[in-house]
Amino acid sequence: MGKPIDPNWTIQNDRQSVTVGINTRLWILNKRETIPTLIRLGREHTRLFLKEAGMHYIPNKKPQRIIHQNLFWDDERGGFCYSKRMITIKFNDPKIHGIAVEGVPKPEKPKKPKKSKKKST
């Protein structure tokens, strides 16, 4: 990988908008050809994200309404997911200060065999 994608991104930017911070990290993972699997938020960023989403606490069951456009409830997992890709969110993670997004490398696509061209004589 050549140069860093955004060397000027700081935790102060994350405090202004946690949603933009999450989307920036998802964009970085996409550039690295990685599939995001988990979004982890520290205590402060959990509070800020819930404030952006119009919630005062982390519900343990499906809320009646969700204001945030990228936040969805997943009945199978019993928790919130982010974006239509249904990336699990872990709130109040004691190991994280800020925002962290984990992912796995994209599987390589199988290469198609090249067709040989026959010359007509």
PDB file of N, CA and C in Angstrom:
ATOM      1  N   MET A   1       0.838  -1.171   0.000  1.00  0.00           N
ATOM      2  CA  MET A   1       0.000   0.000   0.000  1.00  0.00           C
ATOM      3  C   MET A   1       0.881   1.232   0.000  1.00  0.00           C
ATOM      4  N   GLY A   2       0.659   2.163  -0.845  1.00  0.00           N
ATOM      5  CA  GLY A   2       1.486   3.351  -0.968  1.00  0.00           C
ATOM      6  C   GLY A   2       1.417   4.261   0.241  1.00  0.00           C
ATOM      7  N   LYS A   3       0.773   5.371   0.089  1.00  0.00           N
ATOM      8  CA  LYS A   3       0.686   6.341   1.165  1.00  0.00           C
ATOM      9  C   LYS A   3      -0.556   6.107   2.015  1.00  0.00           C
ATOM     10  N   PRO A   4      -0.577   6.643   3.259  1.00  0.00           N
ATOM     11  CA  PRO A   4      -1.765   6.485   4.102  1.00  0.00           C
ATOM     12  C   PRO A   4      -2.984   7.151   3.473  1.00  0.00           C
ATOM     13  N   ILE A   5      -4.156   6.643   3.806  1.00  0.00           N
ATOM     14  CA  ILE A   5      -5.372   7.136   3.178  1.00  0.00           C
ATOM     15  C   ILE A   5      -5.767   8.511   3.702  1.00  0.00           C
ATOM     16  N   ASP A   6      -5.789   8.709   5.013  1.00  0.00           N
ATOM     17  CA  ASP A   6      -6.102  10.019   5.570  1.00  0.00           C
ATOM     18  C   ASP A   6      -5.288  10.233   6.832  1.00  0.00           C
ATOM     19  N   PRO A   7      -4.074  10.787   6.711  1.00  0.00           N
ATOM     20  CA  PRO A   7      -3.223  10.944   7.879  1.00  0.00           C
ATOM     21  C   PRO A   7      -3.698  12.029   8.833  1.00  0.00           C
ATOM     22  N   ASN A   8      -4.634  12.876   8.415  1.00  0.00           N
ATOM     23  CA  ASN A   8      -5.079  13.987   9.246  1.00  0.00           C
ATOM     24  C   ASN A   8      -6.300  13.665  10.100  1.00  0.00           C
ATOM     25  N   TRP A   9      -6.832  12.457  10.025  1.00  0.00           N
ATOM     26  CA  TRP A   9      -8.018  12.097  10.797  1.00  0.00           C
ATOM     27  C   TRP A   9      -7.620  11.888  12.245  1.00  0.00           C
ATOM     28  N   THR A  10      -8.314  12.539  13.153  1.00  0.00           N
ATOM     29  CA  THR A  10      -7.977  12.460  14.576  1.00  0.00           C
ATOM     30  C   THR A  10      -9.200  12.085  15.391  1.00  0.00           C
ATOM     31  N   ILE A  11      -8.988  11.824  16.666  1.00  0.00           N
ATOM     32  CA  ILE A  11     -10.094  11.485  17.554  1.00  0.00           C
ATOM     33  C   ILE A  11     -11.014  12.691  17.755  1.00  0.00           C
ATOM     34  N   GLN A  12     -10.491  13.908  17.586  1.00  0.00           N
ATOM     35  CA  GLN A  12     -11.345  15.091  17.678  1.00  0.00           C
ATOM     36  C   GLN A  12     -12.377  15.097  16.553  1.00  0.00           C
ATOM     37  N   ASN A  13     -11.991  14.616  15.367  1.00  0.00           N
ATOM     38  CA  ASN A  13     -12.960  14.495  14.279  1.00  0.00           C
ATOM     39  C   ASN A  13     -14.052  13.497  14.643  1.00  0.00           C
ATOM     40  N   ASP A  14     -13.678  12.413  15.327  1.00  0.00           N
ATOM     41  CA  ASP A  14     -14.656  11.410  15.743  1.00  0.00           C
ATOM     42  C   ASP A  14     -15.641  11.986  16.747  1.00  0.00           C
ATOM     43  N   ARG A  15     -15.175  12.889  17.597  1.00  0.00           N
ATOM     44  CA  ARG A  15     -16.060  13.485  18.600  1.00  0.00           C
ATOM     45  C   ARG A  15     -17.095  14.395  17.956  1.00  0.00           C
ATOM     46  N   GLN A  16     -16.768  14.974  16.806  1.00  0.00           N
ATOM     47  CA  GLN A  16     -17.731  15.828  16.122  1.00  0.00           C
ATOM     48  C   GLN A  16     -18.867  15.004  15.532  1.00  0.00           C
ATOM     49  N   SER A  17     -18.540  13.842  14.966  1.00  0.00           N
ATOM     50  CA  SER A  17     -19.559  12.954  14.409  1.00  0.00           C
ATOM     51  C   SER A  17     -19.030  11.525  14.411  1.00  0.00           C
ATOM     52  N   VAL A  18     -19.619  10.704  15.250  1.00  0.00           N
ATOM     53  CA  VAL A  18     -19.214   9.303  15.323  1.00  0.00           C
ATOM     54  C   VAL A  18     -19.605   8.582  14.037  1.00  0.00           C
ATOM     55  N   THR A  19     -20.730   8.950  13.461  1.00  0.00           N
ATOM     56  CA  THR A  19     -21.181   8.327  12.215  1.00  0.00           C
ATOM     57  C   THR A  19     -20.160   8.547  11.102  1.00  0.00           C
ATOM     58  N   VAL A  20     -19.634   9.756  10.987  1.00  0.00           N
ATOM     59  CA  VAL A  20     -18.627  10.041   9.969  1.00  0.00           C
ATOM     60  C   VAL A  20     -17.353   9.255  10.268  1.00  0.00           C
ATOM     61  N   GLY A  21     -16.993   9.133  11.552  1.00  0.00           N
ATOM     62  CA  GLY A  21     -15.824   8.344  11.930  1.00  0.00           C
ATOM     63  C   GLY A  21     -15.971   6.885  11.543  1.00  0.00           C
ATOM     64  N   ILE A  22     -17.150   6.312  11.777  1.00  0.00           N
ATOM     65  CA  ILE A  22     -17.404   4.921  11.408  1.00  0.00           C
ATOM     66  C   ILE A  22     -17.337   4.770   9.884  1.00  0.00           C
ATOM     67  N   ASN A  23     -17.994   5.681   9.167  1.00  0.00           N
ATOM     68  CA  ASN A  23     -18.004   5.602   7.703  1.00  0.00           C
ATOM     69  C   ASN A  23     -16.604   5.763   7.123  1.00  0.00           C
ATOM     70  N   THR A  24     -15.768   6.604   7.751  1.00  0.00           N
ATOM     71  CA  THR A  24     -14.389   6.767   7.295  1.00  0.00           C
ATOM     72  C   THR A  24     -13.622   5.463   7.450  1.00  0.00           C
ATOM     73  N   ARG A  25     -13.784   4.802   8.581  1.00  0.00           N
ATOM     74  CA  ARG A  25     -13.098   3.526   8.795  1.00  0.00           C
ATOM     75  C   ARG A  25     -13.611   2.441   7.860  1.00  0.00           C
ATOM     76  N   LEU A  26     -14.912   2.441   7.577  1.00  0.00           N
ATOM     77  CA  LEU A  26     -15.452   1.474   6.615  1.00  0.00           C
ATOM     78  C   LEU A  26     -14.884   1.733   5.221  1.00  0.00           C
ATOM     79  N   TRP A  27     -14.708   2.993   4.866  1.00  0.00           N
ATOM     80  CA  TRP A  27     -14.123   3.356   3.579  1.00  0.00           C
ATOM     81  C   TRP A  27     -12.674   2.878   3.499  1.00  0.00           C
ATOM     82  N   ILE A  28     -11.929   3.064   4.605  1.00  0.00           N
ATOM     83  CA  ILE A  28     -10.533   2.612   4.643  1.00  0.00           C
ATOM     84  C   ILE A  28     -10.462   1.100   4.474  1.00  0.00           C
ATOM     85  N   LEU A  29     -11.339   0.364   5.170  1.00  0.00           N
ATOM     86  CA  LEU A  29     -11.355  -1.099   5.024  1.00  0.00           C
ATOM     87  C   LEU A  29     -11.697  -1.498   3.595  1.00  0.00           C
ATOM     88  N   ASN A  30     -12.609  -0.773   2.975  1.00  0.00           N
ATOM     89  CA  ASN A  30     -12.979  -1.073   1.595  1.00  0.00           C
ATOM     90  C   ASN A  30     -11.783  -0.879   0.671  1.00  0.00           C
ATOM     91  N   LYS A  31     -11.000   0.187   0.900  1.00  0.00           N
ATOM     92  CA  LYS A  31      -9.803   0.427   0.087  1.00  0.00           C
ATOM     93  C   LYS A  31      -8.758  -0.667   0.297  1.00  0.00           C
ATOM     94  N   ARG A  32      -8.739  -1.260   1.469  1.00  0.00           N
ATOM     95  CA  ARG A  32      -7.792  -2.347   1.761  1.00  0.00           C
ATOM     96  C   ARG A  32      -8.353  -3.714   1.363  1.00  0.00           C
ATOM     97  N   GLU A  33      -9.503  -3.712   0.703  1.00  0.00           N
ATOM     98  CA  GLU A  33     -10.186  -4.937   0.268  1.00  0.00           C
ATOM     99  C   GLU A  33     -10.437  -5.868   1.435  1.00  0.00           C
ATOM    100  N   THR A  34     -11.093  -5.316   2.463  1.00  0.00           N
ATOM    101  CA  THR A  34     -11.433  -6.053   3.671  1.00  0.00           C
ATOM    102  C   THR A  34     -12.929  -5.949   3.909  1.00  0.00           C
ATOM    103  N   ILE A  35     -13.536  -7.031   4.385  1.00  0.00           N
ATOM    104  CA  ILE A  35     -14.962  -7.049   4.701  1.00  0.00           C
ATOM    105  C   ILE A  35     -15.131  -6.723   6.182  1.00  0.00           C
ATOM    106  N   PRO A  36     -15.846  -5.635   6.533  1.00  0.00           N
ATOM    107  CA  PRO A  36     -16.030  -5.294   7.948  1.00  0.00           C
ATOM    108  C   PRO A  36     -16.937  -6.302   8.652  1.00  0.00           C
ATOM    109  N   THR A  37     -16.538  -6.686   9.873  1.00  0.00           N
ATOM    110  CA  THR A  37     -17.308  -7.677  10.618  1.00  0.00           C
ATOM    111  C   THR A  37     -17.823  -7.156  11.961  1.00  0.00           C
ATOM    112  N   LEU A  38     -17.140  -6.167  12.542  1.00  0.00           N
ATOM    113  CA  LEU A  38     -17.523  -5.685  13.878  1.00  0.00           C
ATOM    114  C   LEU A  38     -17.104  -4.235  14.045  1.00  0.00           C
ATOM    115  N   ILE A  39     -18.010  -3.432  14.595  1.00  0.00           N
ATOM    116  CA  ILE A  39     -17.715  -2.048  14.955  1.00  0.00           C
ATOM    117  C   ILE A  39     -17.711  -1.979  16.469  1.00  0.00           C
ATOM    118  N   ARG A  40     -16.609  -1.476  17.033  1.00  0.00           N
ATOM    119  CA  ARG A  40     -16.485  -1.381  18.483  1.00  0.00           C
ATOM    120  C   ARG A  40     -16.365   0.086  18.875  1.00  0.00           C
ATOM    121  N   LEU A  41     -17.198   0.505  19.848  1.00  0.00           N
ATOM    122  CA  LEU A  41     -17.192   1.881  20.315  1.00  0.00           C
ATOM    123  C   LEU A  41     -16.828   1.914  21.794  1.00  0.00           C
ATOM    124  N   GLY A  42     -15.960   2.849  22.170  1.00  0.00           N
ATOM    125  CA  GLY A  42     -15.628   3.056  23.572  1.00  0.00           C
ATOM    126  C   GLY A  42     -16.776   3.756  24.285  1.00  0.00           C
ATOM    127  N   ARG A  43     -16.600   4.007  25.568  1.00  0.00           N
ATOM    128  CA  ARG A  43     -17.687   4.595  26.370  1.00  0.00           C
ATOM    129  C   ARG A  43     -18.112   5.972  25.853  1.00  0.00           C
ATOM    130  N   GLU A  44     -17.149   6.860  25.652  1.00  0.00           N
ATOM    131  CA  GLU A  44     -17.496   8.215  25.218  1.00  0.00           C
ATOM    132  C   GLU A  44     -18.146   8.213  23.841  1.00  0.00           C
ATOM    133  N   HIS A  45     -17.604   7.427  22.931  1.00  0.00           N
ATOM    134  CA  HIS A  45     -18.143   7.403  21.576  1.00  0.00           C
ATOM    135  C   HIS A  45     -19.484   6.665  21.509  1.00  0.00           C
ATOM    136  N   THR A  46     -19.716   5.738  22.434  1.00  0.00           N
ATOM    137  CA  THR A  46     -21.042   5.119  22.532  1.00  0.00           C
ATOM    138  C   THR A  46     -22.068   6.177  22.903  1.00  0.00           C
ATOM    139  N   ARG A  47     -21.742   6.990  23.895  1.00  0.00           N
ATOM    140  CA  ARG A  47     -22.650   8.051  24.342  1.00  0.00           C
ATOM    141  C   ARG A  47     -22.923   9.032  23.203  1.00  0.00           C
ATOM    142  N   LEU A  48     -21.879   9.447  22.498  1.00  0.00           N
ATOM    143  CA  LEU A  48     -22.055  10.386  21.389  1.00  0.00           C
ATOM    144  C   LEU A  48     -22.865   9.781  20.246  1.00  0.00           C
ATOM    145  N   PHE A  49     -22.609   8.500  19.940  1.00  0.00           N
ATOM    146  CA  PHE A  49     -23.335   7.836  18.854  1.00  0.00           C
ATOM    147  C   PHE A  49     -24.817   7.694  19.196  1.00  0.00           C
ATOM    148  N   LEU A  50     -25.119   7.305  20.437  1.00  0.00           N
ATOM    149  CA  LEU A  50     -26.522   7.173  20.841  1.00  0.00           C
ATOM    150  C   LEU A  50     -27.228   8.526  20.806  1.00  0.00           C
ATOM    151  N   LYS A  51     -26.495   9.582  21.146  1.00  0.00           N
ATOM    152  CA  LYS A  51     -27.065  10.931  21.073  1.00  0.00           C
ATOM    153  C   LYS A  51     -27.386  11.281  19.620  1.00  0.00           C
ATOM    154  N   GLU A  52     -26.472  10.924  18.696  1.00  0.00           N
ATOM    155  CA  GLU A  52     -26.730  11.146  17.268  1.00  0.00           C
ATOM    156  C   GLU A  52     -27.934  10.336  16.799  1.00  0.00           C
ATOM    157  N   ALA A  53     -28.107   9.143  17.369  1.00  0.00           N
ATOM    158  CA  ALA A  53     -29.204   8.255  16.961  1.00  0.00           C
ATOM    159  C   ALA A  53     -30.513   8.589  17.658  1.00  0.00           C
ATOM    160  N   GLY A  54     -30.506   9.577  18.559  1.00  0.00           N
ATOM    161  CA  GLY A  54     -31.733   9.981  19.245  1.00  0.00           C
ATOM    162  C   GLY A  54     -32.144   9.041  20.351  1.00  0.00           C
ATOM    163  N   MET A  55     -31.191   8.307  20.929  1.00  0.00           N
ATOM    164  CA  MET A  55     -31.480   7.382  22.025  1.00  0.00           C
ATOM    165  C   MET A  55     -30.707   7.820  23.276  1.00  0.00           C
ATOM    166  N   HIS A  56     -31.267   7.498  24.443  1.00  0.00           N
ATOM    167  CA  HIS A  56     -30.633   7.885  25.698  1.00  0.00           C
ATOM    168  C   HIS A  56     -29.918   6.719  26.375  1.00  0.00           C
ATOM    169  N   TYR A  57     -30.188   5.501  25.916  1.00  0.00           N
ATOM    170  CA  TYR A  57     -29.568   4.316  26.498  1.00  0.00           C
ATOM    171  C   TYR A  57     -29.529   3.215  25.445  1.00  0.00           C
ATOM    172  N   ILE A  58     -28.778   2.149  25.742  1.00  0.00           N
ATOM    173  CA  ILE A  58     -28.681   1.011  24.827  1.00  0.00           C
ATOM    174  C   ILE A  58     -29.818   0.046  25.151  1.00  0.00           C
ATOM    175  N   PRO A  59     -30.794  -0.073  24.278  1.00  0.00           N
ATOM    176  CA  PRO A  59     -31.904  -0.989  24.568  1.00  0.00           C
ATOM    177  C   PRO A  59     -31.476  -2.446  24.435  1.00  0.00           C
ATOM    178  N   ASN A  60     -32.054  -3.314  25.273  1.00  0.00           N
ATOM    179  CA  ASN A  60     -31.742  -4.738  25.189  1.00  0.00           C
ATOM    180  C   ASN A  60     -32.796  -5.503  24.388  1.00  0.00           C
ATOM    181  N   LYS A  61     -33.794  -4.790  23.881  1.00  0.00           N
ATOM    182  CA  LYS A  61     -34.768  -5.389  22.970  1.00  0.00           C
ATOM    183  C   LYS A  61     -35.055  -4.372  21.879  1.00  0.00           C
ATOM    184  N   LYS A  62     -35.758  -4.797  20.854  1.00  0.00           N
ATOM    185  CA  LYS A  62     -35.995  -3.935  19.700  1.00  0.00           C
ATOM    186  C   LYS A  62     -36.736  -2.665  20.121  1.00  0.00           C
ATOM    187  N   PRO A  63     -36.139  -1.505  19.833  1.00  0.00           N
ATOM    188  CA  PRO A  63     -36.821  -0.255  20.194  1.00  0.00           C
ATOM    189  C   PRO A  63     -38.019   0.003  19.284  1.00  0.00           C
ATOM    190  N   GLN A  64     -38.949   0.839  19.768  1.00  0.00           N
ATOM    191  CA  GLN A  64     -40.132   1.134  18.978  1.00  0.00           C
ATOM    192  C   GLN A  64     -39.790   1.921  17.719  1.00  0.00           C
ATOM    193  N   ARG A  65     -38.811   2.809  17.822  1.00  0.00           N
ATOM    194  CA  ARG A  65     -38.400   3.577  16.654  1.00  0.00           C
ATOM    195  C   ARG A  65     -36.897   3.827  16.713  1.00  0.00           C
ATOM    196  N   ILE A  66     -36.295   3.879  15.548  1.00  0.00           N
ATOM    197  CA  ILE A  66     -34.874   4.183  15.419  1.00  0.00           C
ATOM    198  C   ILE A  66     -34.779   5.365  14.464  1.00  0.00           C
ATOM    199  N   ILE A  67     -34.173   6.445  14.941  1.00  0.00           N
ATOM    200  CA  ILE A  67     -34.072   7.656  14.129  1.00  0.00           C
ATOM    201  C   ILE A  67     -32.889   7.585  13.165  1.00  0.00           C
ATOM    202  N   HIS A  68     -31.820   6.950  13.582  1.00  0.00           N
ATOM    203  CA  HIS A  68     -30.588   6.921  12.802  1.00  0.00           C
ATOM    204  C   HIS A  68     -30.789   6.132  11.516  1.00  0.00           C
ATOM    205  N   GLN A  69     -30.326   6.681  10.381  1.00  0.00           N
ATOM    206  CA  GLN A  69     -30.582   6.048   9.086  1.00  0.00           C
ATOM    207  C   GLN A  69     -29.765   4.789   8.844  1.00  0.00           C
ATOM    208  N   ASN A  70     -28.617   4.618   9.526  1.00  0.00           N
ATOM    209  CA  ASN A  70     -27.765   3.460   9.290  1.00  0.00           C
ATOM    210  C   ASN A  70     -27.829   2.426  10.407  1.00  0.00           C
ATOM    211  N   LEU A  71     -28.723   2.578  11.340  1.00  0.00           N
ATOM    212  CA  LEU A  71     -28.806   1.685  12.489  1.00  0.00           C
ATOM    213  C   LEU A  71     -30.022   0.782  12.344  1.00  0.00           C
ATOM    214  N   PHE A  72     -29.806  -0.512  12.455  1.00  0.00           N
ATOM    215  CA  PHE A  72     -30.880  -1.486  12.305  1.00  0.00           C
ATOM    216  C   PHE A  72     -30.839  -2.480  13.453  1.00  0.00           C
ATOM    217  N   TRP A  73     -31.989  -3.024  13.799  1.00  0.00           N
ATOM    218  CA  TRP A  73     -32.067  -4.057  14.822  1.00  0.00           C
ATOM    219  C   TRP A  73     -32.067  -5.413  14.135  1.00  0.00           C
ATOM    220  N   ASP A  74     -31.203  -6.326  14.613  1.00  0.00           N
ATOM    221  CA  ASP A  74     -31.136  -7.677  14.059  1.00  0.00           C
ATOM    222  C   ASP A  74     -31.727  -8.639  15.083  1.00  0.00           C
ATOM    223  N   ASP A  75     -32.856  -9.245  14.730  1.00  0.00           N
ATOM    224  CA  ASP A  75     -33.531 -10.161  15.654  1.00  0.00           C
ATOM    225  C   ASP A  75     -32.708 -11.416  15.925  1.00  0.00           C
ATOM    226  N   GLU A  76     -31.965 -11.899  14.926  1.00  0.00           N
ATOM    227  CA  GLU A  76     -31.166 -13.120  15.103  1.00  0.00           C
ATOM    228  C   GLU A  76     -30.065 -12.918  16.132  1.00  0.00           C
ATOM    229  N   ARG A  77     -29.374 -11.789  16.049  1.00  0.00           N
ATOM    230  CA  ARG A  77     -28.272 -11.511  16.971  1.00  0.00           C
ATOM    231  C   ARG A  77     -28.745 -10.847  18.255  1.00  0.00           C
ATOM    232  N   GLY A  78     -29.947 -10.281  18.233  1.00  0.00           N
ATOM    233  CA  GLY A  78     -30.484  -9.608  19.405  1.00  0.00           C
ATOM    234  C   GLY A  78     -29.749  -8.319  19.718  1.00  0.00           C
ATOM    235  N   GLY A  79     -29.351  -7.595  18.684  1.00  0.00           N
ATOM    236  CA  GLY A  79     -28.635  -6.347  18.897  1.00  0.00           C
ATOM    237  C   GLY A  79     -28.659  -5.471  17.658  1.00  0.00           C
ATOM    238  N   PHE A  80     -27.958  -4.351  17.758  1.00  0.00           N
ATOM    239  CA  PHE A  80     -27.917  -3.405  16.661  1.00  0.00           C
ATOM    240  C   PHE A  80     -26.868  -3.776  15.630  1.00  0.00           C
ATOM    241  N   CYS A  81     -27.167  -3.414  14.391  1.00  0.00           N
ATOM    242  CA  CYS A  81     -26.234  -3.562  13.289  1.00  0.00           C
ATOM    243  C   CYS A  81     -26.170  -2.232  12.559  1.00  0.00           C
ATOM    244  N   TYR A  82     -25.047  -2.025  11.881  1.00  0.00           N
ATOM    245  CA  TYR A  82     -24.822  -0.763  11.177  1.00  0.00           C
ATOM    246  C   TYR A  82     -24.848  -1.007   9.681  1.00  0.00           C
ATOM    247  N   SER A  83     -25.521  -0.172   8.962  1.00  0.00           N
ATOM    248  CA  SER A  83     -25.668  -0.150   7.508  1.00  0.00           C
ATOM    249  C   SER A  83     -26.424  -1.378   7.009  1.00  0.00           C
ATOM    250  N   LYS A  84     -26.689  -1.358   5.741  1.00  0.00           N
ATOM    251  CA  LYS A  84     -27.437  -2.467   5.119  1.00  0.00           C
ATOM    252  C   LYS A  84     -26.617  -3.747   5.088  1.00  0.00           C
ATOM    253  N   ARG A  85     -25.294  -3.625   5.307  1.00  0.00           N
ATOM    254  CA  ARG A  85     -24.435  -4.817   5.343  1.00  0.00           C
ATOM    255  C   ARG A  85     -24.550  -5.558   6.668  1.00  0.00           C
ATOM    256  N   MET A  86     -25.312  -4.993   7.606  1.00  0.00           N
ATOM    257  CA  MET A  86     -25.590  -5.622   8.914  1.00  0.00           C
ATOM    258  C   MET A  86     -24.294  -5.949   9.664  1.00  0.00           C
ATOM    259  N   ILE A  87     -23.476  -4.914   9.901  1.00  0.00           N
ATOM    260  CA  ILE A  87     -22.236  -5.046  10.659  1.00  0.00           C
ATOM    261  C   ILE A  87     -22.572  -4.879  12.130  1.00  0.00           C
ATOM    262  N   THR A  88     -22.245  -5.865  12.951  1.00  0.00           N
ATOM    263  CA  THR A  88     -22.559  -5.833  14.375  1.00  0.00           C
ATOM    264  C   THR A  88     -21.836  -4.681  15.065  1.00  0.00           C
ATOM    265  N   ILE A  89     -22.533  -4.017  16.011  1.00  0.00           N
ATOM    266  CA  ILE A  89     -21.940  -2.941  16.797  1.00  0.00           C
ATOM    267  C   ILE A  89     -21.822  -3.399  18.245  1.00  0.00           C
ATOM    268  N   LYS A  90     -20.652  -3.202  18.829  1.00  0.00           N
ATOM    269  CA  LYS A  90     -20.444  -3.482  20.251  1.00  0.00           C
ATOM    270  C   LYS A  90     -20.275  -2.143  20.962  1.00  0.00           C
ATOM    271  N   PHE A  91     -21.203  -1.835  21.866  1.00  0.00           N
ATOM    272  CA  PHE A  91     -21.182  -0.581  22.608  1.00  0.00           C
ATOM    273  C   PHE A  91     -20.391  -0.728  23.903  1.00  0.00           C
ATOM    274  N   ASN A  92     -19.863   0.391  24.417  1.00  0.00           N
ATOM    275  CA  ASN A  92     -19.157   0.459  25.702  1.00  0.00           C
ATOM    276  C   ASN A  92     -18.056  -0.588  25.828  1.00  0.00           C
ATOM    277  N   ASP A  93     -17.286  -0.764  24.790  1.00  0.00           N
ATOM    278  CA  ASP A  93     -16.197  -1.737  24.820  1.00  0.00           C
ATOM    279  C   ASP A  93     -15.076  -1.201  25.714  1.00  0.00           C
ATOM    280  N   PRO A  94     -14.739  -1.918  26.801  1.00  0.00           N
ATOM    281  CA  PRO A  94     -13.721  -1.412  27.730  1.00  0.00           C
ATOM    282  C   PRO A  94     -12.309  -1.401  27.136  1.00  0.00           C
ATOM    283  N   LYS A  95     -12.077  -2.142  26.060  1.00  0.00           N
ATOM    284  CA  LYS A  95     -10.744  -2.206  25.451  1.00  0.00           C
ATOM    285  C   LYS A  95     -10.513  -1.095  24.438  1.00  0.00           C
ATOM    286  N   ILE A  96     -11.558  -0.331  24.105  1.00  0.00           N
ATOM    287  CA  ILE A  96     -11.467   0.667  23.044  1.00  0.00           C
ATOM    288  C   ILE A  96     -11.676   2.062  23.612  1.00  0.00           C
ATOM    289  N   HIS A  97     -10.831   2.977  23.164  1.00  0.00           N
ATOM    290  CA  HIS A  97     -11.045   4.404  23.419  1.00  0.00           C
ATOM    291  C   HIS A  97     -11.230   5.045  22.053  1.00  0.00           C
ATOM    292  N   GLY A  98     -12.468   5.304  21.687  1.00  0.00           N
ATOM    293  CA  GLY A  98     -12.746   5.841  20.363  1.00  0.00           C
ATOM    294  C   GLY A  98     -13.558   4.852  19.544  1.00  0.00           C
ATOM    295  N   ILE A  99     -13.153   4.702  18.295  1.00  0.00           N
ATOM    296  CA  ILE A  99     -13.872   3.841  17.344  1.00  0.00           C
ATOM    297  C   ILE A  99     -12.893   2.849  16.737  1.00  0.00           C
ATOM    298  N   ALA A 100     -13.309   1.589  16.648  1.00  0.00           N
ATOM    299  CA  ALA A 100     -12.509   0.572  15.977  1.00  0.00           C
ATOM    300  C   ALA A 100     -13.438  -0.257  15.091  1.00  0.00           C
ATOM    301  N   VAL A 101     -12.973  -0.562  13.902  1.00  0.00           N
ATOM    302  CA  VAL A 101     -13.735  -1.418  12.992  1.00  0.00           C
ATOM    303  C   VAL A 101     -12.847  -2.589  12.614  1.00  0.00           C
ATOM    304  N   GLU A 102     -13.351  -3.799  12.843  1.00  0.00           N
ATOM    305  CA  GLU A 102     -12.591  -5.008  12.531  1.00  0.00           C
ATOM    306  C   GLU A 102     -13.123  -5.613  11.237  1.00  0.00           C
ATOM    307  N   GLY A 103     -12.260  -6.343  10.556  1.00  0.00           N
ATOM    308  CA  GLY A 103     -12.676  -6.963   9.313  1.00  0.00           C
ATOM    309  C   GLY A 103     -11.805  -8.153   8.951  1.00  0.00           C
ATOM    310  N   VAL A 104     -12.242  -8.856   7.933  1.00  0.00           N
ATOM    311  CA  VAL A 104     -11.492  -9.997   7.405  1.00  0.00           C
ATOM    312  C   VAL A 104     -11.206  -9.729   5.925  1.00  0.00           C
ATOM    313  N   PRO A 105     -10.095 -10.241   5.417  1.00  0.00           N
ATOM    314  CA  PRO A 105      -9.777 -10.022   3.998  1.00  0.00           C
ATOM    315  C   PRO A 105     -10.840 -10.632   3.086  1.00  0.00           C
ATOM    316  N   LYS A 106     -11.093  -9.947   1.979  1.00  0.00           N
ATOM    317  CA  LYS A 106     -12.042 -10.480   1.000  1.00  0.00           C
ATOM    318  C   LYS A 106     -11.451 -11.726   0.366  1.00  0.00           C
ATOM    319  N   PRO A 107     -12.267 -12.752   0.159  1.00  0.00           N
ATOM    320  CA  PRO A 107     -11.741 -13.945  -0.533  1.00  0.00           C
ATOM    321  C   PRO A 107     -11.423 -13.604  -1.980  1.00  0.00           C
ATOM    322  N   GLU A 108     -10.350 -14.188  -2.454  1.00  0.00           N
ATOM    323  CA  GLU A 108      -9.953 -13.933  -3.835  1.00  0.00           C
ATOM    324  C   GLU A 108     -10.910 -14.626  -4.787  1.00  0.00           C
ATOM    325  N   LYS A 109     -11.217 -13.937  -5.853  1.00  0.00           N
ATOM    326  CA  LYS A 109     -12.089 -14.519  -6.861  1.00  0.00           C
ATOM    327  C   LYS A 109     -11.295 -15.514  -7.683  1.00  0.00           C
ATOM    328  N   PRO A 110     -11.878 -16.677  -7.986  1.00  0.00           N
ATOM    329  CA  PRO A 110     -11.144 -17.633  -8.820  1.00  0.00           C
ATOM    330  C   PRO A 110     -10.933 -17.061 -10.219  1.00  0.00           C
ATOM    331  N   LYS A 111      -9.740 -17.244 -10.716  1.00  0.00           N
ATOM    332  CA  LYS A 111      -9.417 -16.729 -12.037  1.00  0.00           C
ATOM    333  C   LYS A 111      -9.973 -17.650 -13.111  1.00  0.00           C
ATOM    334  N   LYS A 112     -10.532 -17.033 -14.126  1.00  0.00           N
ATOM    335  CA  LYS A 112     -11.072 -17.800 -15.233  1.00  0.00           C
ATOM    336  C   LYS A 112      -9.925 -18.207 -16.147  1.00  0.00           C
ATOM    337  N   PRO A 113      -9.955 -19.454 -16.619  1.00  0.00           N
ATOM    338  CA  PRO A 113      -8.884 -19.854 -17.550  1.00  0.00           C
ATOM    339  C   PRO A 113      -9.027 -19.086 -18.861  1.00  0.00           C
ATOM    340  N   LYS A 114      -7.866 -18.726 -19.391  1.00  0.00           N
ATOM    341  CA  LYS A 114      -7.874 -17.978 -20.672  1.00  0.00           C
ATOM    342  C   LYS A 114      -8.180 -18.937 -21.811  1.00  0.00           C
ATOM    343  N   LYS A 115      -8.986 -18.447 -22.735  1.00  0.00           N
ATOM    344  CA  LYS A 115      -9.303 -19.250 -23.910  1.00  0.00           C
ATOM    345  C   LYS A 115      -8.220 -19.040 -24.934  1.00  0.00           C
ATOM    346  N   SER A 116      -7.772 -20.112 -25.493  1.00  0.00           N
ATOM    347  CA  SER A 116      -6.724 -19.998 -26.525  1.00  0.00           C
ATOM    348  C   SER A 116      -7.394 -19.733 -27.874  1.00  0.00           C
ATOM    349  N   LYS A 117      -6.776 -18.846 -28.590  1.00  0.00           N
ATOM    350  CA  LYS A 117      -7.305 -18.502 -29.907  1.00  0.00           C
ATOM    351  C   LYS A 117      -6.636 -19.382 -30.965  1.00  0.00           C
ATOM    352  N   LYS A 118      -7.457 -19.954 -31.801  1.00  0.00           N
ATOM    353  CA  LYS A 118      -6.924 -20.807 -32.876  1.00  0.00           C
ATOM    354  C   LYS A 118      -6.804 -19.979 -34.142  1.00  0.00           C
ATOM    355  N   LYS A 119      -5.696 -20.108 -34.787  1.00  0.00           N
ATOM    356  CA  LYS A 119      -5.508 -19.421 -36.054  1.00  0.00           C
ATOM    357  C   LYS A 119      -5.985 -20.310 -37.179  1.00  0.00           C
ATOM    358  N   SER A 120      -6.717 -19.721 -38.086  1.00  0.00           N
ATOM    359  CA  SER A 120      -7.187 -20.476 -39.243  1.00  0.00           C
ATOM    360  C   SER A 120      -6.126 -20.382 -40.368  1.00  0.00           C
ATOM    361  N   THR A 121      -5.891 -21.481 -41.017  1.00  0.00           N
ATOM    362  CA  THR A 121      -4.888 -21.501 -42.097  1.00  0.00           C
ATOM    363  C   THR A 121      -5.489 -21.586 -43.446  1.00  0.00           C
TER     364      THR A 121
END
